[in-house]
Amino acid sequence: MAEADRQRDSPKRERILQGALRAFAKKGFYNTRVSEIASEAGVADGTIYLYFKNKDDLLISLFEDRMEWVIERLTTELQAVEGGVLEKLRAFVGLHFQLAIENPDLAEFITVELRQSAKFVKEYENPKFADYLKILQFLIEEGQRGGELRTDLDSRLVSRALFGALDEVLLQLTLARTPPKDVTEETGQISRMIIDGLVHRDEHT
């Protein structure tokens, strides 16, 4: 096994990522010191640099690791959805919002903290985000091929527009003073507002 693979599978690396997630949730990316991440992770300050070049590298690694988990979960749960593309799209919306309930620290990290890193915003190519968008894009294209969704819309543009709406609502849920206990209403409203607008309708009806 290569050294990079050994480090990626290291329990200590995972502790550092977990510690960073907790530290960023408490103080924000910009205000968090590496020593505070080390304290949260229960490791020496210097140990951080055995796995990550700097705080920005740690943030990007945390994003990639957690987005990989989100993508795997989405893929698994969407495969279990009974029904067509519309049901899968509504399930996608619900799963996206469910983050605010199940893992508020991760939701805040994705919606708030990433934007505080100039390196992430300006330089990072963000392949995991592209993989996430592809799930939406492929669902839309599947619906277009099957006649469920309108074919006069660009699947890439629609997937980005839908994600933008989901991201904004998730941000509001994450920053709410009273954490949500249920996201059924939000899921329903977004579905009615956007997804229903994608449905193919017979011009004669």
Protein backbone atom coordinates (compact mmCIF):
# COMPACT_ATOMS: atom_id res chain seq x y z
CA MET A 1 0.00 0.00 0.00
CA ALA A 2 1.35 3.44 -0.95
CA GLU A 3 2.18 5.95 1.77
CA ALA A 4 -0.63 8.27 0.65
CA ASP A 5 -3.14 5.42 0.94
CA ARG A 6 -1.87 4.47 4.40
CA GLN A 7 -2.28 8.05 5.57
CA ARG A 8 -5.77 8.27 4.08
CA ASP A 9 -6.84 5.13 5.96
CA SER A 10 -5.19 6.19 9.22
CA PRO A 11 -7.46 6.38 12.30
CA LYS A 12 -5.42 9.36 13.48
CA ARG A 13 -6.12 11.20 10.23
CA GLU A 14 -9.83 10.60 10.75
CA ARG A 15 -9.56 11.95 14.32
CA ILE A 16 -7.96 15.10 12.94
CA LEU A 17 -10.75 15.50 10.37
CA GLN A 18 -13.38 15.03 13.08
CA GLY A 19 -11.56 17.51 15.30
CA ALA A 20 -11.40 20.04 12.49
CA LEU A 21 -15.13 19.68 11.84
CA ARG A 22 -15.91 20.35 15.52
CA ALA A 23 -13.44 23.24 15.73
CA PHE A 24 -14.74 24.92 12.57
CA ALA A 25 -18.31 24.59 13.87
CA LYS A 26 -17.35 26.33 17.12
CA LYS A 27 -15.21 29.21 15.86
CA GLY A 28 -15.35 29.20 12.06
CA PHE A 29 -12.56 28.34 9.66
CA TYR A 30 -10.92 31.77 9.71
CA ASN A 31 -10.75 32.04 13.52
CA THR A 32 -9.70 28.45 14.22
CA ARG A 33 -6.02 27.82 14.95
CA VAL A 34 -4.27 24.58 14.07
CA SER A 35 -3.53 24.08 17.77
CA GLU A 36 -7.27 24.14 18.49
CA ILE A 37 -7.88 21.49 15.86
CA ALA A 38 -5.13 19.38 17.45
CA SER A 39 -6.77 19.82 20.85
CA GLU A 40 -10.15 18.70 19.51
CA ALA A 41 -8.51 15.69 17.86
CA GLY A 42 -6.44 14.78 20.92
CA VAL A 43 -3.10 14.94 19.08
CA ALA A 44 0.03 17.07 19.27
CA ASP A 45 0.10 20.23 17.12
CA GLY A 46 2.90 18.86 14.95
CA THR A 47 0.93 15.71 14.16
CA ILE A 48 -1.43 17.77 12.01
CA TYR A 49 1.42 18.52 9.61
CA LEU A 50 2.24 14.84 9.15
CA TYR A 51 -1.08 14.52 7.32
CA PHE A 52 -1.88 18.00 6.00
CA LYS A 53 0.25 20.83 4.60
CA ASN A 54 -1.71 23.61 6.27
CA LYS A 55 -5.19 24.59 7.43
CA ASP A 56 -6.46 25.13 3.86
CA ASP A 57 -5.25 21.67 2.86
CA LEU A 58 -7.02 20.24 5.91
CA LEU A 59 -10.25 22.01 4.94
CA ILE A 60 -10.11 20.67 1.36
CA SER A 61 -9.35 17.15 2.60
CA LEU A 62 -12.26 17.36 5.03
CA PHE A 63 -14.58 18.48 2.25
CA GLU A 64 -13.48 15.69 -0.10
CA ASP A 65 -13.82 13.03 2.59
CA ARG A 66 -17.26 14.12 3.77
CA MET A 67 -18.59 14.75 0.27
CA GLU A 68 -17.53 11.24 -0.70
CA TRP A 69 -19.65 9.96 2.20
CA VAL A 70 -22.60 12.16 1.15
CA ILE A 71 -22.36 10.95 -2.47
CA GLU A 72 -22.19 7.30 -1.43
CA ARG A 73 -25.23 7.72 0.80
CA LEU A 74 -27.19 9.56 -1.86
CA THR A 75 -26.40 6.90 -4.45
CA THR A 76 -27.42 4.07 -2.13
CA GLU A 77 -30.66 5.68 -0.96
CA LEU A 78 -31.74 6.83 -4.41
CA GLN A 79 -31.33 3.29 -5.70
CA ALA A 80 -33.81 2.16 -3.06
CA VAL A 81 -36.46 4.74 -4.04
CA GLU A 82 -39.53 3.15 -5.60
CA GLY A 83 -40.98 5.04 -8.53
CA GLY A 84 -39.65 7.16 -11.34
CA VAL A 85 -37.38 10.14 -11.69
CA LEU A 86 -39.74 12.59 -9.99
CA GLU A 87 -39.79 10.49 -6.83
CA LYS A 88 -35.99 10.26 -6.92
CA LEU A 89 -35.60 14.02 -7.36
CA ARG A 90 -37.91 14.67 -4.41
CA ALA A 91 -35.92 12.14 -2.37
CA PHE A 92 -32.71 13.94 -3.38
CA VAL A 93 -34.13 17.22 -2.04
CA GLY A 94 -35.17 15.60 1.22
CA LEU A 95 -31.80 13.92 1.73
CA HIS A 96 -29.99 17.21 1.09
CA PHE A 97 -32.02 18.99 3.77
CA GLN A 98 -31.73 16.04 6.16
CA LEU A 99 -28.11 17.05 6.71
CA ALA A 100 -29.27 19.98 8.84
CA ILE A 101 -30.96 17.54 11.22
CA GLU A 102 -28.60 14.58 11.23
CA ASN A 103 -25.25 16.36 11.09
CA PRO A 104 -25.53 20.12 11.71
CA ASP A 105 -21.74 20.53 12.02
CA LEU A 106 -21.26 19.04 8.55
CA ALA A 107 -24.12 21.12 7.13
CA GLU A 108 -22.56 24.30 8.51
CA PHE A 109 -19.14 23.28 7.21
CA ILE A 110 -20.48 22.75 3.68
CA THR A 111 -22.67 25.85 3.54
CA VAL A 112 -20.63 28.36 5.57
CA GLU A 113 -17.03 27.46 6.38
CA LEU A 114 -15.87 26.49 2.88
CA ARG A 115 -16.55 30.03 1.69
CA GLN A 116 -14.03 31.40 4.21
CA SER A 117 -11.08 29.76 2.46
CA ALA A 118 -9.76 31.86 -0.42
CA LYS A 119 -7.75 28.86 -1.65
CA PHE A 120 -10.88 26.69 -1.79
CA VAL A 121 -12.98 29.33 -3.54
CA LYS A 122 -10.38 30.51 -6.06
CA GLU A 123 -8.02 27.61 -6.71
CA TYR A 124 -9.67 24.29 -5.88
CA GLU A 125 -11.17 22.50 -8.90
CA ASN A 126 -13.73 20.78 -6.67
CA PRO A 127 -14.19 17.36 -8.33
CA LYS A 128 -16.42 16.06 -5.51
CA PHE A 129 -18.86 18.90 -6.04
CA ALA A 130 -18.90 18.02 -9.75
CA ASP A 131 -19.69 14.40 -8.83
CA TYR A 132 -22.54 15.59 -6.63
CA LEU A 133 -23.98 17.70 -9.44
CA LYS A 134 -23.68 14.77 -11.84
CA ILE A 135 -26.15 12.80 -9.73
CA LEU A 136 -28.70 15.56 -10.28
CA GLN A 137 -27.80 15.97 -13.93
CA PHE A 138 -28.11 12.25 -14.65
CA LEU A 139 -31.50 12.11 -12.94
CA ILE A 140 -32.72 15.00 -15.09
CA GLU A 141 -31.38 13.40 -18.27
CA GLU A 142 -32.98 10.08 -17.32
CA GLY A 143 -36.30 11.87 -16.91
CA GLN A 144 -35.90 13.62 -20.24
CA ARG A 145 -35.17 10.36 -22.04
CA GLY A 146 -38.16 8.70 -20.40
CA GLY A 147 -40.53 11.52 -21.26
CA GLU A 148 -41.16 12.53 -17.64
CA LEU A 149 -39.26 15.82 -17.81
CA ARG A 150 -39.13 18.66 -20.31
CA THR A 151 -36.51 18.29 -23.01
CA ASP A 152 -36.23 22.01 -23.81
CA LEU A 153 -34.05 22.61 -20.73
CA ASP A 154 -30.29 22.16 -20.38
CA SER A 155 -29.68 19.42 -17.79
CA ARG A 156 -26.41 21.02 -16.61
CA LEU A 157 -28.00 24.42 -16.13
CA VAL A 158 -31.03 22.95 -14.34
CA SER A 159 -28.90 20.82 -12.01
CA ARG A 160 -26.88 23.88 -10.97
CA ALA A 161 -30.01 25.98 -10.50
CA LEU A 162 -31.62 23.30 -8.36
CA PHE A 163 -28.48 22.89 -6.28
CA GLY A 164 -28.33 26.66 -5.76
CA ALA A 165 -31.85 26.63 -4.33
CA LEU A 166 -31.06 23.63 -2.12
CA ASP A 167 -27.83 25.19 -0.88
CA GLU A 168 -29.57 28.44 0.10
CA VAL A 169 -32.36 26.66 1.98
CA LEU A 170 -29.87 24.36 3.73
CA LEU A 171 -27.90 27.44 4.78
CA GLN A 172 -31.02 28.97 6.35
CA LEU A 173 -31.87 25.71 8.11
CA THR A 174 -28.31 25.44 9.39
CA LEU A 175 -28.17 29.01 10.73
CA ALA A 176 -31.64 28.92 12.30
CA ARG A 177 -31.60 29.59 16.04
CA THR A 178 -33.97 26.68 16.55
CA PRO A 179 -32.66 23.63 14.66
CA PRO A 180 -35.34 21.96 12.53
CA LYS A 181 -36.82 18.66 13.70
CA ASP A 182 -38.36 17.86 10.34
CA VAL A 183 -37.72 19.06 6.78
CA THR A 184 -40.89 17.75 5.14
CA GLU A 185 -42.31 21.22 4.55
CA GLU A 186 -39.10 22.57 3.02
CA THR A 187 -38.78 19.50 0.82
CA GLY A 188 -42.36 19.84 -0.37
CA GLN A 189 -42.08 23.54 -1.16
CA ILE A 190 -38.86 23.20 -3.17
CA SER A 191 -40.30 20.20 -5.00
CA ARG A 192 -43.47 22.08 -5.93
CA MET A 193 -41.60 25.22 -6.91
CA ILE A 194 -38.80 23.75 -9.01
CA ILE A 195 -39.19 20.04 -9.71
CA ASP A 196 -42.83 20.31 -10.77
CA GLY A 197 -41.74 22.98 -13.24
CA LEU A 198 -39.55 20.41 -14.97
CA VAL A 199 -42.42 18.03 -15.65
CA HIS A 200 -43.28 17.39 -19.28
CA ARG A 201 -46.89 18.29 -20.00
CA ASP A 202 -48.95 17.58 -23.09
CA GLU A 203 -49.50 20.90 -24.92
CA HIS A 204 -53.13 19.93 -25.55
CA THR A 205 -54.02 19.53 -21.86
